[in-house]
C-alpha cells in the first residue's frame, strides 16, 4: 500500500492565496489533481488550509479593487457595480428613418384593416 503524501499545509494555504488552481497546486507538489481533490474531501485540516488561502487571495484582490473605487477609478466602479450590485449593460437599438409598413394576414385569410386611410 502506498504511503499517504504529506502536504505542507502552510504552502497549500500560500499557493491558494496566490490564486493557484488545484491543478497548479498539484504540480507544485508533484502529485495529481485528483490527489488534491481527494485530500480536500478526506482531510479537514487540508481543506481548511485551502479555503483559508482562497479567502485570503480574494481579500487581497477585493481590497485592491475597493482602493481603486475609493480613488475614483471609473472602470473599477463599473466592475464592482456589475459584479456585486446587479448592474448590467443593455444594448438599445434605435431605428432612424421611415418605419416599414407591415401587412398582417390573419388565419382566416383576410388582410389586416388599412389603418393609414382615414
PDB file of N, CA and C in Angstrom:
ATOM      1  N   UNK A   1       0.836  -1.178   0.000  1.00  0.00           N
ATOM      2  CA  UNK A   1       0.000   0.000   0.000  1.00  0.00           C
ATOM      3  C   UNK A   1       0.880   1.240   0.000  1.00  0.00           C
ATOM      4  N   UNK A   2       0.539   2.197  -0.849  1.00  0.00           N
ATOM      5  CA  UNK A   2       1.326   3.422  -0.968  1.00  0.00           C
ATOM      6  C   UNK A   2       1.112   4.297   0.258  1.00  0.00           C
ATOM      7  N   UNK A   3       2.180   4.993   0.656  1.00  0.00           N
ATOM      8  CA  UNK A   3       2.052   5.879   1.812  1.00  0.00           C
ATOM      9  C   UNK A   3       1.355   7.170   1.384  1.00  0.00           C
ATOM     10  N   UNK A   4       0.697   7.767   2.327  1.00  0.00           N
ATOM     11  CA  UNK A   4      -0.058   8.993   2.073  1.00  0.00           C
ATOM     12  C   UNK A   4       0.918  10.159   1.951  1.00  0.00           C
ATOM     13  N   UNK A   5       0.746  10.966   0.891  1.00  0.00           N
ATOM     14  CA  UNK A   5       1.622  12.109   0.663  1.00  0.00           C
ATOM     15  C   UNK A   5       1.391  13.139   1.763  1.00  0.00           C
ATOM     16  N   UNK A   6       2.478  13.649   2.319  1.00  0.00           N
ATOM     17  CA  UNK A   6       2.384  14.661   3.370  1.00  0.00           C
ATOM     18  C   UNK A   6       2.524  16.045   2.754  1.00  0.00           C
ATOM     19  N   UNK A   7       1.493  16.845   2.875  1.00  0.00           N
ATOM     20  CA  UNK A   7       1.497  18.204   2.359  1.00  0.00           C
ATOM     21  C   UNK A   7       1.935  19.181   3.437  1.00  0.00           C
ATOM     22  N   UNK A   8       2.670  20.200   3.035  1.00  0.00           N
ATOM     23  CA  UNK A   8       2.963  21.325   3.919  1.00  0.00           C
ATOM     24  C   UNK A   8       1.743  22.242   3.831  1.00  0.00           C
ATOM     25  N   UNK A   9       0.922  22.264   4.874  1.00  0.00           N
ATOM     26  CA  UNK A   9      -0.330  22.999   4.836  1.00  0.00           C
ATOM     27  C   UNK A   9      -0.123  24.501   4.714  1.00  0.00           C
ATOM     28  N   UNK A  10       0.998  25.007   5.213  1.00  0.00           N
ATOM     29  CA  UNK A  10       1.297  26.427   5.036  1.00  0.00           C
ATOM     30  C   UNK A  10       1.497  26.755   3.561  1.00  0.00           C
ATOM     31  N   UNK A  11       2.147  25.839   2.842  1.00  0.00           N
ATOM     32  CA  UNK A  11       2.324  26.050   1.401  1.00  0.00           C
ATOM     33  C   UNK A  11       1.009  25.922   0.649  1.00  0.00           C
ATOM     34  N   UNK A  12       0.176  24.976   1.052  1.00  0.00           N
ATOM     35  CA  UNK A  12      -1.139  24.832   0.423  1.00  0.00           C
ATOM     36  C   UNK A  12      -1.904  26.146   0.568  1.00  0.00           C
ATOM     37  N   UNK A  13      -1.907  26.685   1.770  1.00  0.00           N
ATOM     38  CA  UNK A  13      -2.609  27.945   2.028  1.00  0.00           C
ATOM     39  C   UNK A  13      -2.002  29.087   1.211  1.00  0.00           C
ATOM     40  N   UNK A  14      -0.678  29.156   1.173  1.00  0.00           N
ATOM     41  CA  UNK A  14       0.001  30.210   0.421  1.00  0.00           C
ATOM     42  C   UNK A  14      -0.330  30.115  -1.072  1.00  0.00           C
ATOM     43  N   UNK A  15      -0.222  28.920  -1.629  1.00  0.00           N
ATOM     44  CA  UNK A  15      -0.498  28.740  -3.066  1.00  0.00           C
ATOM     45  C   UNK A  15      -1.945  29.113  -3.399  1.00  0.00           C
ATOM     46  N   UNK A  16      -2.880  28.701  -2.539  1.00  0.00           N
ATOM     47  CA  UNK A  16      -4.287  29.026  -2.775  1.00  0.00           C
ATOM     48  C   UNK A  16      -4.508  30.536  -2.668  1.00  0.00           C
ATOM     49  N   UNK A  17      -3.786  31.194  -1.757  1.00  0.00           N
ATOM     50  CA  UNK A  17      -3.950  32.643  -1.601  1.00  0.00           C
ATOM     51  C   UNK A  17      -3.401  33.404  -2.799  1.00  0.00           C
ATOM     52  N   UNK A  18      -2.506  32.783  -3.535  1.00  0.00           N
ATOM     53  CA  UNK A  18      -1.931  33.416  -4.723  1.00  0.00           C
ATOM     54  C   UNK A  18      -2.751  33.113  -5.978  1.00  0.00           C
ATOM     55  N   UNK A  19      -3.859  32.430  -5.786  1.00  0.00           N
ATOM     56  CA  UNK A  19      -4.777  32.183  -6.893  1.00  0.00           C
ATOM     57  C   UNK A  19      -4.479  30.939  -7.705  1.00  0.00           C
ATOM     58  N   UNK A  20      -3.587  30.085  -7.228  1.00  0.00           N
ATOM     59  CA  UNK A  20      -3.294  28.866  -7.972  1.00  0.00           C
ATOM     60  C   UNK A  20      -4.504  27.936  -7.954  1.00  0.00           C
ATOM     61  N   UNK A  21      -4.723  27.265  -9.073  1.00  0.00           N
ATOM     62  CA  UNK A  21      -5.807  26.291  -9.174  1.00  0.00           C
ATOM     63  C   UNK A  21      -5.378  24.989  -8.499  1.00  0.00           C
ATOM     64  N   UNK A  22      -6.324  24.082  -8.340  1.00  0.00           N
ATOM     65  CA  UNK A  22      -5.989  22.768  -7.781  1.00  0.00           C
ATOM     66  C   UNK A  22      -4.934  22.086  -8.640  1.00  0.00           C
ATOM     67  N   UNK A  23      -5.080  22.196  -9.952  1.00  0.00           N
ATOM     68  CA  UNK A  23      -4.115  21.587 -10.883  1.00  0.00           C
ATOM     69  C   UNK A  23      -2.717  22.170 -10.661  1.00  0.00           C
ATOM     70  N   UNK A  24      -2.627  23.472 -10.512  1.00  0.00           N
ATOM     71  CA  UNK A  24      -1.334  24.123 -10.320  1.00  0.00           C
ATOM     72  C   UNK A  24      -0.722  23.772  -8.972  1.00  0.00           C
ATOM     73  N   UNK A  25      -1.545  23.702  -7.943  1.00  0.00           N
ATOM     74  CA  UNK A  25      -1.046  23.300  -6.622  1.00  0.00           C
ATOM     75  C   UNK A  25      -0.530  21.869  -6.685  1.00  0.00           C
ATOM     76  N   UNK A  26      -1.267  21.008  -7.367  1.00  0.00           N
ATOM     77  CA  UNK A  26      -0.820  19.619  -7.531  1.00  0.00           C
ATOM     78  C   UNK A  26       0.538  19.572  -8.211  1.00  0.00           C
ATOM     79  N   UNK A  27       0.719  20.373  -9.250  1.00  0.00           N
ATOM     80  CA  UNK A  27       2.010  20.400  -9.958  1.00  0.00           C
ATOM     81  C   UNK A  27       3.131  20.869  -9.044  1.00  0.00           C
ATOM     82  N   UNK A  28       2.847  21.849  -8.186  1.00  0.00           N
ATOM     83  CA  UNK A  28       3.867  22.341  -7.253  1.00  0.00           C
ATOM     84  C   UNK A  28       4.349  21.230  -6.319  1.00  0.00           C
ATOM     85  N   UNK A  29       3.429  20.344  -5.935  1.00  0.00           N
ATOM     86  CA  UNK A  29       3.785  19.253  -5.024  1.00  0.00           C
ATOM     87  C   UNK A  29       4.171  17.971  -5.760  1.00  0.00           C
ATOM     88  N   UNK A  30       4.003  17.947  -7.075  1.00  0.00           N
ATOM     89  CA  UNK A  30       4.339  16.758  -7.837  1.00  0.00           C
ATOM     90  C   UNK A  30       3.351  15.621  -7.672  1.00  0.00           C
ATOM     91  N   UNK A  31       2.082  15.988  -7.486  1.00  0.00           N
ATOM     92  CA  UNK A  31       1.024  14.979  -7.355  1.00  0.00           C
ATOM     93  C   UNK A  31      -0.046  15.267  -8.405  1.00  0.00           C
ATOM     94  N   UNK A  32      -1.034  14.392  -8.498  1.00  0.00           N
ATOM     95  CA  UNK A  32      -2.117  14.595  -9.459  1.00  0.00           C
ATOM     96  C   UNK A  32      -3.182  15.509  -8.859  1.00  0.00           C
ATOM     97  N   UNK A  33      -3.980  16.070  -9.746  1.00  0.00           N
ATOM     98  CA  UNK A  33      -5.081  16.923  -9.292  1.00  0.00           C
ATOM     99  C   UNK A  33      -6.056  16.117  -8.443  1.00  0.00           C
ATOM    100  N   UNK A  34      -6.261  14.867  -8.801  1.00  0.00           N
ATOM    101  CA  UNK A  34      -7.202  14.042  -8.035  1.00  0.00           C
ATOM    102  C   UNK A  34      -6.717  13.844  -6.595  1.00  0.00           C
ATOM    103  N   UNK A  35      -5.407  13.861  -6.391  1.00  0.00           N
ATOM    104  CA  UNK A  35      -4.874  13.760  -5.031  1.00  0.00           C
ATOM    105  C   UNK A  35      -5.317  14.977  -4.218  1.00  0.00           C
ATOM    106  N   UNK A  36      -5.251  16.153  -4.833  1.00  0.00           N
ATOM    107  CA  UNK A  36      -5.688  17.378  -4.151  1.00  0.00           C
ATOM    108  C   UNK A  36      -7.186  17.297  -3.858  1.00  0.00           C
ATOM    109  N   UNK A  37      -7.961  16.902  -4.852  1.00  0.00           N
ATOM    110  CA  UNK A  37      -9.414  16.810  -4.701  1.00  0.00           C
ATOM    111  C   UNK A  37      -9.790  15.832  -3.587  1.00  0.00           C
ATOM    112  N   UNK A  38      -9.163  14.668  -3.590  1.00  0.00           N
ATOM    113  CA  UNK A  38      -9.455  13.665  -2.554  1.00  0.00           C
ATOM    114  C   UNK A  38      -9.024  14.144  -1.181  1.00  0.00           C
ATOM    115  N   UNK A  39      -7.864  14.795  -1.121  1.00  0.00           N
ATOM    116  CA  UNK A  39      -7.364  15.260   0.176  1.00  0.00           C
ATOM    117  C   UNK A  39      -8.295  16.336   0.748  1.00  0.00           C
ATOM    118  N   UNK A  40      -8.815  17.200  -0.107  1.00  0.00           N
ATOM    119  CA  UNK A  40      -9.761  18.214   0.369  1.00  0.00           C
ATOM    120  C   UNK A  40     -10.997  17.553   0.977  1.00  0.00           C
ATOM    121  N   UNK A  41     -11.441  16.464   0.375  1.00  0.00           N
ATOM    122  CA  UNK A  41     -12.640  15.761   0.852  1.00  0.00           C
ATOM    123  C   UNK A  41     -12.362  14.955   2.115  1.00  0.00           C
ATOM    124  N   UNK A  42     -11.148  14.401   2.234  1.00  0.00           N
ATOM    125  CA  UNK A  42     -10.844  13.462   3.317  1.00  0.00           C
ATOM    126  C   UNK A  42     -10.128  14.073   4.518  1.00  0.00           C
ATOM    127  N   UNK A  43      -9.530  15.241   4.354  1.00  0.00           N
ATOM    128  CA  UNK A  43      -8.680  15.810   5.402  1.00  0.00           C
ATOM    129  C   UNK A  43      -9.155  17.224   5.715  1.00  0.00           C
ATOM    130  N   UNK A  44      -9.803  17.380   6.865  1.00  0.00           N
ATOM    131  CA  UNK A  44     -10.385  18.680   7.212  1.00  0.00           C
ATOM    132  C   UNK A  44      -9.317  19.758   7.381  1.00  0.00           C
ATOM    133  N   UNK A  45      -8.131  19.397   7.861  1.00  0.00           N
ATOM    134  CA  UNK A  45      -7.060  20.385   8.024  1.00  0.00           C
ATOM    135  C   UNK A  45      -6.575  20.878   6.662  1.00  0.00           C
ATOM    136  N   UNK A  46      -6.463  19.951   5.703  1.00  0.00           N
ATOM    137  CA  UNK A  46      -6.059  20.313   4.348  1.00  0.00           C
ATOM    138  C   UNK A  46      -7.117  21.219   3.724  1.00  0.00           C
ATOM    139  N   UNK A  47      -8.372  20.805   3.842  1.00  0.00           N
ATOM    140  CA  UNK A  47      -9.477  21.580   3.276  1.00  0.00           C
ATOM    141  C   UNK A  47      -9.529  22.983   3.882  1.00  0.00           C
ATOM    142  N   UNK A  48      -9.333  23.082   5.185  1.00  0.00           N
ATOM    143  CA  UNK A  48      -9.365  24.381   5.864  1.00  0.00           C
ATOM    144  C   UNK A  48      -8.222  25.272   5.387  1.00  0.00           C
ATOM    145  N   UNK A  49      -7.029  24.692   5.208  1.00  0.00           N
ATOM    146  CA  UNK A  49      -5.883  25.469   4.723  1.00  0.00           C
ATOM    147  C   UNK A  49      -6.154  25.990   3.318  1.00  0.00           C
ATOM    148  N   UNK A  50      -6.720  25.143   2.483  1.00  0.00           N
ATOM    149  CA  UNK A  50      -7.041  25.539   1.111  1.00  0.00           C
ATOM    150  C   UNK A  50      -8.064  26.670   1.108  1.00  0.00           C
ATOM    151  N   UNK A  51      -9.121  26.530   1.913  1.00  0.00           N
ATOM    152  CA  UNK A  51     -10.174  27.546   1.977  1.00  0.00           C
ATOM    153  C   UNK A  51      -9.661  28.860   2.567  1.00  0.00           C
ATOM    154  N   UNK A  52      -8.806  28.777   3.595  1.00  0.00           N
ATOM    155  CA  UNK A  52      -8.214  29.999   4.161  1.00  0.00           C
ATOM    156  C   UNK A  52      -7.393  30.725   3.111  1.00  0.00           C
ATOM    157  N   UNK A  53      -6.643  29.956   2.333  1.00  0.00           N
ATOM    158  CA  UNK A  53      -5.829  30.549   1.285  1.00  0.00           C
ATOM    159  C   UNK A  53      -6.683  31.225   0.226  1.00  0.00           C
ATOM    160  N   UNK A  54      -7.732  30.554  -0.213  1.00  0.00           N
ATOM    161  CA  UNK A  54      -8.621  31.162  -1.207  1.00  0.00           C
ATOM    162  C   UNK A  54      -9.235  32.452  -0.668  1.00  0.00           C
ATOM    163  N   UNK A  55      -9.683  32.429   0.573  1.00  0.00           N
ATOM    164  CA  UNK A  55     -10.295  33.612   1.178  1.00  0.00           C
ATOM    165  C   UNK A  55      -9.288  34.756   1.279  1.00  0.00           C
ATOM    166  N   UNK A  56      -8.059  34.437   1.635  1.00  0.00           N
ATOM    167  CA  UNK A  56      -7.025  35.472   1.743  1.00  0.00           C
ATOM    168  C   UNK A  56      -6.741  36.098   0.378  1.00  0.00           C
ATOM    169  N   UNK A  57      -6.700  35.269  -0.660  1.00  0.00           N
ATOM    170  CA  UNK A  57      -6.476  35.786  -2.007  1.00  0.00           C
ATOM    171  C   UNK A  57      -7.609  36.692  -2.464  1.00  0.00           C
ATOM    172  N   UNK A  58      -8.832  36.280  -2.196  1.00  0.00           N
ATOM    173  CA  UNK A  58      -9.996  37.093  -2.553  1.00  0.00           C
ATOM    174  C   UNK A  58      -9.967  38.407  -1.780  1.00  0.00           C
ATOM    175  N   UNK A  59      -9.574  38.333  -0.523  1.00  0.00           N
ATOM    176  CA  UNK A  59      -9.496  39.540   0.298  1.00  0.00           C
ATOM    177  C   UNK A  59      -8.470  40.526  -0.266  1.00  0.00           C
ATOM    178  N   UNK A  60      -7.318  40.034  -0.704  1.00  0.00           N
ATOM    179  CA  UNK A  60      -6.289  40.908  -1.286  1.00  0.00           C
ATOM    180  C   UNK A  60      -6.829  41.636  -2.515  1.00  0.00           C
ATOM    181  N   UNK A  61      -7.466  40.872  -3.397  1.00  0.00           N
ATOM    182  CA  UNK A  61      -7.980  41.460  -4.637  1.00  0.00           C
ATOM    183  C   UNK A  61      -9.127  42.422  -4.339  1.00  0.00           C
ATOM    184  N   UNK A  62     -10.007  42.051  -3.422  1.00  0.00           N
ATOM    185  CA  UNK A  62     -11.122  42.916  -3.054  1.00  0.00           C
ATOM    186  C   UNK A  62     -10.619  44.231  -2.473  1.00  0.00           C
ATOM    187  N   UNK A  63      -9.621  44.153  -1.597  1.00  0.00           N
ATOM    188  CA  UNK A  63      -9.059  45.373  -1.018  1.00  0.00           C
ATOM    189  C   UNK A  63      -8.455  46.267  -2.094  1.00  0.00           C
ATOM    190  N   UNK A  64      -7.733  45.676  -3.030  1.00  0.00           N
ATOM    191  CA  UNK A  64      -7.135  46.454  -4.113  1.00  0.00           C
ATOM    192  C   UNK A  64      -8.227  47.091  -4.973  1.00  0.00           C
ATOM    193  N   UNK A  65      -9.288  46.343  -5.272  1.00  0.00           N
ATOM    194  CA  UNK A  65     -10.389  46.878  -6.059  1.00  0.00           C
ATOM    195  C   UNK A  65     -11.059  48.032  -5.328  1.00  0.00           C
ATOM    196  N   UNK A  66     -11.339  47.854  -4.047  1.00  0.00           N
ATOM    197  CA  UNK A  66     -12.015  48.898  -3.290  1.00  0.00           C
ATOM    198  C   UNK A  66     -11.139  50.145  -3.157  1.00  0.00           C
ATOM    199  N   UNK A  67      -9.831  49.979  -3.095  1.00  0.00           N
ATOM    200  CA  UNK A  67      -8.934  51.142  -3.101  1.00  0.00           C
ATOM    201  C   UNK A  67      -9.063  51.891  -4.422  1.00  0.00           C
ATOM    202  N   UNK A  68      -9.157  51.163  -5.519  1.00  0.00           N
ATOM    203  CA  UNK A  68      -9.337  51.790  -6.826  1.00  0.00           C
ATOM    204  C   UNK A  68     -10.684  52.516  -6.888  1.00  0.00           C
ATOM    205  N   UNK A  69     -11.713  51.910  -6.356  1.00  0.00           N
ATOM    206  CA  UNK A  69     -13.033  52.549  -6.327  1.00  0.00           C
ATOM    207  C   UNK A  69     -12.956  53.839  -5.506  1.00  0.00           C
ATOM    208  N   UNK A  70     -12.324  53.767  -4.320  1.00  0.00           N
ATOM    209  CA  UNK A  70     -12.213  54.942  -3.452  1.00  0.00           C
ATOM    210  C   UNK A  70     -11.409  56.061  -4.102  1.00  0.00           C
ATOM    211  N   UNK A  71     -10.481  55.701  -4.974  1.00  0.00           N
ATOM    212  CA  UNK A  71      -9.662  56.700  -5.662  1.00  0.00           C
ATOM    213  C   UNK A  71     -10.311  57.217  -6.935  1.00  0.00           C
ATOM    214  N   UNK A  72     -11.559  56.828  -7.186  1.00  0.00           N
ATOM    215  CA  UNK A  72     -12.297  57.367  -8.314  1.00  0.00           C
ATOM    216  C   UNK A  72     -12.080  56.666  -9.638  1.00  0.00           C
ATOM    217  N   UNK A  73     -11.550  55.460  -9.631  1.00  0.00           N
ATOM    218  CA  UNK A  73     -11.339  54.712 -10.861  1.00  0.00           C
ATOM    219  C   UNK A  73     -12.703  54.256 -11.391  1.00  0.00           C
ATOM    220  N   UNK A  74     -13.141  54.910 -12.467  1.00  0.00           N
ATOM    221  CA  UNK A  74     -14.472  54.645 -13.014  1.00  0.00           C
ATOM    222  C   UNK A  74     -14.626  53.199 -13.463  1.00  0.00           C
ATOM    223  N   UNK A  75     -13.604  52.643 -14.085  1.00  0.00           N
ATOM    224  CA  UNK A  75     -13.671  51.253 -14.538  1.00  0.00           C
ATOM    225  C   UNK A  75     -13.872  50.315 -13.351  1.00  0.00           C
ATOM    226  N   UNK A  76     -13.146  50.568 -12.273  1.00  0.00           N
ATOM    227  CA  UNK A  76     -13.296  49.744 -11.068  1.00  0.00           C
ATOM    228  C   UNK A  76     -14.692  49.893 -10.488  1.00  0.00           C
ATOM    229  N   UNK A  77     -15.222  51.111 -10.521  1.00  0.00           N
ATOM    230  CA  UNK A  77     -16.578  51.339 -10.011  1.00  0.00           C
ATOM    231  C   UNK A  77     -17.600  50.544 -10.816  1.00  0.00           C
ATOM    232  N   UNK A  78     -17.478  50.623 -12.140  1.00  0.00           N
ATOM    233  CA  UNK A  78     -18.416  49.908 -13.007  1.00  0.00           C
ATOM    234  C   UNK A  78     -18.314  48.405 -12.774  1.00  0.00           C
ATOM    235  N   UNK A  79     -17.080  47.887 -12.703  1.00  0.00           N
ATOM    236  CA  UNK A  79     -16.887  46.452 -12.458  1.00  0.00           C
ATOM    237  C   UNK A  79     -17.547  46.043 -11.141  1.00  0.00           C
ATOM    238  N   UNK A  80     -17.308  46.819 -10.100  1.00  0.00           N
ATOM    239  CA  UNK A  80     -17.873  46.496  -8.797  1.00  0.00           C
ATOM    240  C   UNK A  80     -19.400  46.482  -8.864  1.00  0.00           C
ATOM    241  N   UNK A  81     -19.971  47.503  -9.478  1.00  0.00           N
ATOM    242  CA  UNK A  81     -21.432  47.577  -9.543  1.00  0.00           C
ATOM    243  C   UNK A  81     -22.029  46.452 -10.378  1.00  0.00           C
ATOM    244  N   UNK A  82     -21.346  46.045 -11.433  1.00  0.00           N
ATOM    245  CA  UNK A  82     -21.841  44.934 -12.250  1.00  0.00           C
ATOM    246  C   UNK A  82     -21.737  43.616 -11.505  1.00  0.00           C
ATOM    247  N   UNK A  83     -20.625  43.407 -10.823  1.00  0.00           N
ATOM    248  CA  UNK A  83     -20.409  42.098 -10.209  1.00  0.00           C
ATOM    249  C   UNK A  83     -21.073  41.955  -8.842  1.00  0.00           C
ATOM    250  N   UNK A  84     -21.274  43.063  -8.139  1.00  0.00           N
ATOM    251  CA  UNK A  84     -21.792  42.950  -6.782  1.00  0.00           C
ATOM    252  C   UNK A  84     -23.143  43.613  -6.564  1.00  0.00           C
ATOM    253  N   UNK A  85     -23.533  44.532  -7.445  1.00  0.00           N
ATOM    254  CA  UNK A  85     -24.770  45.272  -7.217  1.00  0.00           C
ATOM    255  C   UNK A  85     -25.829  45.005  -8.289  1.00  0.00           C
ATOM    256  N   UNK A  86     -25.567  44.043  -9.163  1.00  0.00           N
ATOM    257  CA  UNK A  86     -26.566  43.644 -10.131  1.00  0.00           C
ATOM    258  C   UNK A  86     -26.716  44.559 -11.335  1.00  0.00           C
ATOM    259  N   UNK A  87     -25.817  45.514 -11.489  1.00  0.00           N
ATOM    260  CA  UNK A  87     -25.904  46.370 -12.668  1.00  0.00           C
ATOM    261  C   UNK A  87     -25.593  45.546 -13.903  1.00  0.00           C
ATOM    262  N   UNK A  88     -26.190  45.955 -15.037  1.00  0.00           N
ATOM    263  CA  UNK A  88     -25.872  45.294 -16.290  1.00  0.00           C
ATOM    264  C   UNK A  88     -26.009  46.287 -17.427  1.00  0.00           C
ATOM    265  N   UNK A  89     -25.312  46.013 -18.484  1.00  0.00           N
ATOM    266  CA  UNK A  89     -25.397  46.853 -19.661  1.00  0.00           C
ATOM    267  C   UNK A  89     -26.510  46.324 -20.553  1.00  0.00           C
ATOM    268  N   UNK A  90     -27.211  47.256 -21.163  1.00  0.00           N
ATOM    269  CA  UNK A  90     -28.203  46.857 -22.147  1.00  0.00           C
ATOM    270  C   UNK A  90     -27.854  47.546 -23.451  1.00  0.00           C
ATOM    271  N   UNK A  91     -28.116  46.872 -24.506  1.00  0.00           N
ATOM    272  CA  UNK A  91     -27.832  47.397 -25.829  1.00  0.00           C
ATOM    273  C   UNK A  91     -29.163  47.793 -26.462  1.00  0.00           C
ATOM    274  N   UNK A  92     -29.425  49.092 -26.532  1.00  0.00           N
ATOM    275  CA  UNK A  92     -30.684  49.581 -27.082  1.00  0.00           C
ATOM    276  C   UNK A  92     -30.457  49.899 -28.551  1.00  0.00           C
ATOM    277  N   UNK A  93     -31.282  49.296 -29.383  1.00  0.00           N
ATOM    278  CA  UNK A  93     -31.210  49.550 -30.819  1.00  0.00           C
ATOM    279  C   UNK A  93     -32.184  50.674 -31.151  1.00  0.00           C
ATOM    280  N   UNK A  94     -31.699  51.696 -31.829  1.00  0.00           N
ATOM    281  CA  UNK A  94     -32.575  52.771 -32.265  1.00  0.00           C
ATOM    282  C   UNK A  94     -32.680  52.723 -33.777  1.00  0.00           C
ATOM    283  N   UNK A  95     -33.894  52.953 -34.256  1.00  0.00           N
ATOM    284  CA  UNK A  95     -34.140  52.926 -35.692  1.00  0.00           C
ATOM    285  C   UNK A  95     -34.336  54.356 -36.162  1.00  0.00           C
ATOM    286  N   UNK A  96     -33.601  54.737 -37.179  1.00  0.00           N
ATOM    287  CA  UNK A  96     -33.759  56.063 -37.749  1.00  0.00           C
ATOM    288  C   UNK A  96     -34.299  55.926 -39.166  1.00  0.00           C
ATOM    289  N   UNK A  97     -35.188  56.819 -39.531  1.00  0.00           N
ATOM    290  CA  UNK A  97     -35.767  56.771 -40.861  1.00  0.00           C
ATOM    291  C   UNK A  97     -37.210  56.323 -40.813  1.00  0.00           C
ATOM    292  N   UNK A  98     -37.764  56.062 -41.966  1.00  0.00           N
ATOM    293  CA  UNK A  98     -39.162  55.634 -42.053  1.00  0.00           C
ATOM    294  C   UNK A  98     -39.282  54.172 -41.661  1.00  0.00           C
ATOM    295  N   UNK A  99     -40.267  53.911 -40.846  1.00  0.00           N
ATOM    296  CA  UNK A  99     -40.527  52.534 -40.444  1.00  0.00           C
ATOM    297  C   UNK A  99     -41.196  51.797 -41.599  1.00  0.00           C
ATOM    298  N   UNK A 100     -40.857  50.545 -41.816  1.00  0.00           N
ATOM    299  CA  UNK A 100     -41.502  49.796 -42.892  1.00  0.00           C
ATOM    300  C   UNK A 100     -42.968  49.540 -42.569  1.00  0.00           C
ATOM    301  N   UNK A 101     -43.786  49.475 -43.629  1.00  0.00           N
ATOM    302  CA  UNK A 101     -45.205  49.179 -43.469  1.00  0.00           C
ATOM    303  C   UNK A 101     -45.353  47.661 -43.466  1.00  0.00           C
ATOM    304  N   UNK A 102     -46.038  47.156 -42.467  1.00  0.00           N
ATOM    305  CA  UNK A 102     -46.235  45.719 -42.356  1.00  0.00           C
ATOM    306  C   UNK A 102     -47.656  45.363 -42.741  1.00  0.00           C
ATOM    307  N   UNK A 103     -47.794  44.290 -43.450  1.00  0.00           N
ATOM    308  CA  UNK A 103     -49.117  43.793 -43.820  1.00  0.00           C
ATOM    309  C   UNK A 103     -49.320  42.494 -43.062  1.00  0.00           C
ATOM    310  N   UNK A 104     -50.388  42.442 -42.275  1.00  0.00           N
ATOM    311  CA  UNK A 104     -50.682  41.264 -41.463  1.00  0.00           C
ATOM    312  C   UNK A 104     -51.780  40.476 -42.144  1.00  0.00           C
ATOM    313  N   UNK A 105     -51.579  39.184 -42.290  1.00  0.00           N
ATOM    314  CA  UNK A 105     -52.596  38.299 -42.842  1.00  0.00           C
ATOM    315  C   UNK A 105     -53.079  37.407 -41.708  1.00  0.00           C
ATOM    316  N   UNK A 106     -54.393  37.464 -41.455  1.00  0.00           N
ATOM    317  CA  UNK A 106     -54.968  36.688 -40.374  1.00  0.00           C
ATOM    318  C   UNK A 106     -55.240  35.259 -40.832  1.00  0.00           C
ATOM    319  N   UNK A 107     -55.390  34.318 -39.903  1.00  0.00           N
ATOM    320  CA  UNK A 107     -55.601  32.920 -40.270  1.00  0.00           C
ATOM    321  C   UNK A 107     -56.813  32.689 -41.176  1.00  0.00           C
ATOM    322  N   UNK A 108     -57.819  33.557 -41.108  1.00  0.00           N
ATOM    323  CA  UNK A 108     -58.976  33.361 -41.976  1.00  0.00           C
ATOM    324  C   UNK A 108     -58.716  33.852 -43.398  1.00  0.00           C
ATOM    325  N   UNK A 109     -57.511  34.326 -43.647  1.00  0.00           N
ATOM    326  CA  UNK A 109     -57.111  34.736 -44.974  1.00  0.00           C
ATOM    327  C   UNK A 109     -57.360  36.197 -45.279  1.00  0.00           C
ATOM    328  N   UNK A 110     -58.013  36.912 -44.374  1.00  0.00           N
ATOM    329  CA  UNK A 110     -58.281  38.320 -44.596  1.00  0.00           C
ATOM    330  C   UNK A 110     -57.059  39.147 -44.215  1.00  0.00           C
ATOM    331  N   UNK A 111     -56.877  40.219 -44.923  1.00  0.00           N
ATOM    332  CA  UNK A 111     -55.782  41.127 -44.613  1.00  0.00           C
ATOM    333  C   UNK A 111     -56.179  42.022 -43.447  1.00  0.00           C
ATOM    334  N   UNK A 112     -55.200  42.560 -42.800  1.00  0.00           N
ATOM    335  CA  UNK A 112     -55.489  43.479 -41.702  1.00  0.00           C
ATOM    336  C   UNK A 112     -56.101  44.743 -42.269  1.00  0.00           C
ATOM    337  N   UNK A 113     -56.903  45.396 -41.484  1.00  0.00           N
ATOM    338  CA  UNK A 113     -57.500  46.644 -41.983  1.00  0.00           C
ATOM    339  C   UNK A 113     -56.414  47.686 -42.224  1.00  0.00           C
ATOM    340  N   UNK A 114     -56.602  48.483 -43.220  1.00  0.00           N
ATOM    341  CA  UNK A 114     -55.645  49.528 -43.556  1.00  0.00           C
ATOM    342  C   UNK A 114     -55.877  50.696 -42.606  1.00  0.00           C
ATOM    343  N   UNK A 115     -54.903  50.927 -41.727  1.00  0.00           N
ATOM    344  CA  UNK A 115     -55.061  51.991 -40.737  1.00  0.00           C
ATOM    345  C   UNK A 115     -54.504  53.307 -41.223  1.00  0.00           C
ATOM    346  N   UNK A 116     -53.925  53.333 -42.454  1.00  0.00           N
ATOM    347  CA  UNK A 116     -53.337  54.571 -42.950  1.00  0.00           C
ATOM    348  C   UNK A 116     -54.366  55.454 -43.632  1.00  0.00           C
ATOM    349  N   UNK A 117     -55.502  54.901 -43.962  1.00  0.00           N
ATOM    350  CA  UNK A 117     -56.555  55.709 -44.597  1.00  0.00           C
ATOM    351  C   UNK A 117     -57.413  56.337 -43.535  1.00  0.00           C
ATOM    352  N   UNK A 118     -57.985  57.474 -43.868  1.00  0.00           N
ATOM    353  CA  UNK A 118     -58.893  57.895 -42.913  1.00  0.00           C
ATOM    354  C   UNK A 118     -59.306  59.227 -42.868  1.00  0.00           C
TER     355      UNK A 118
END
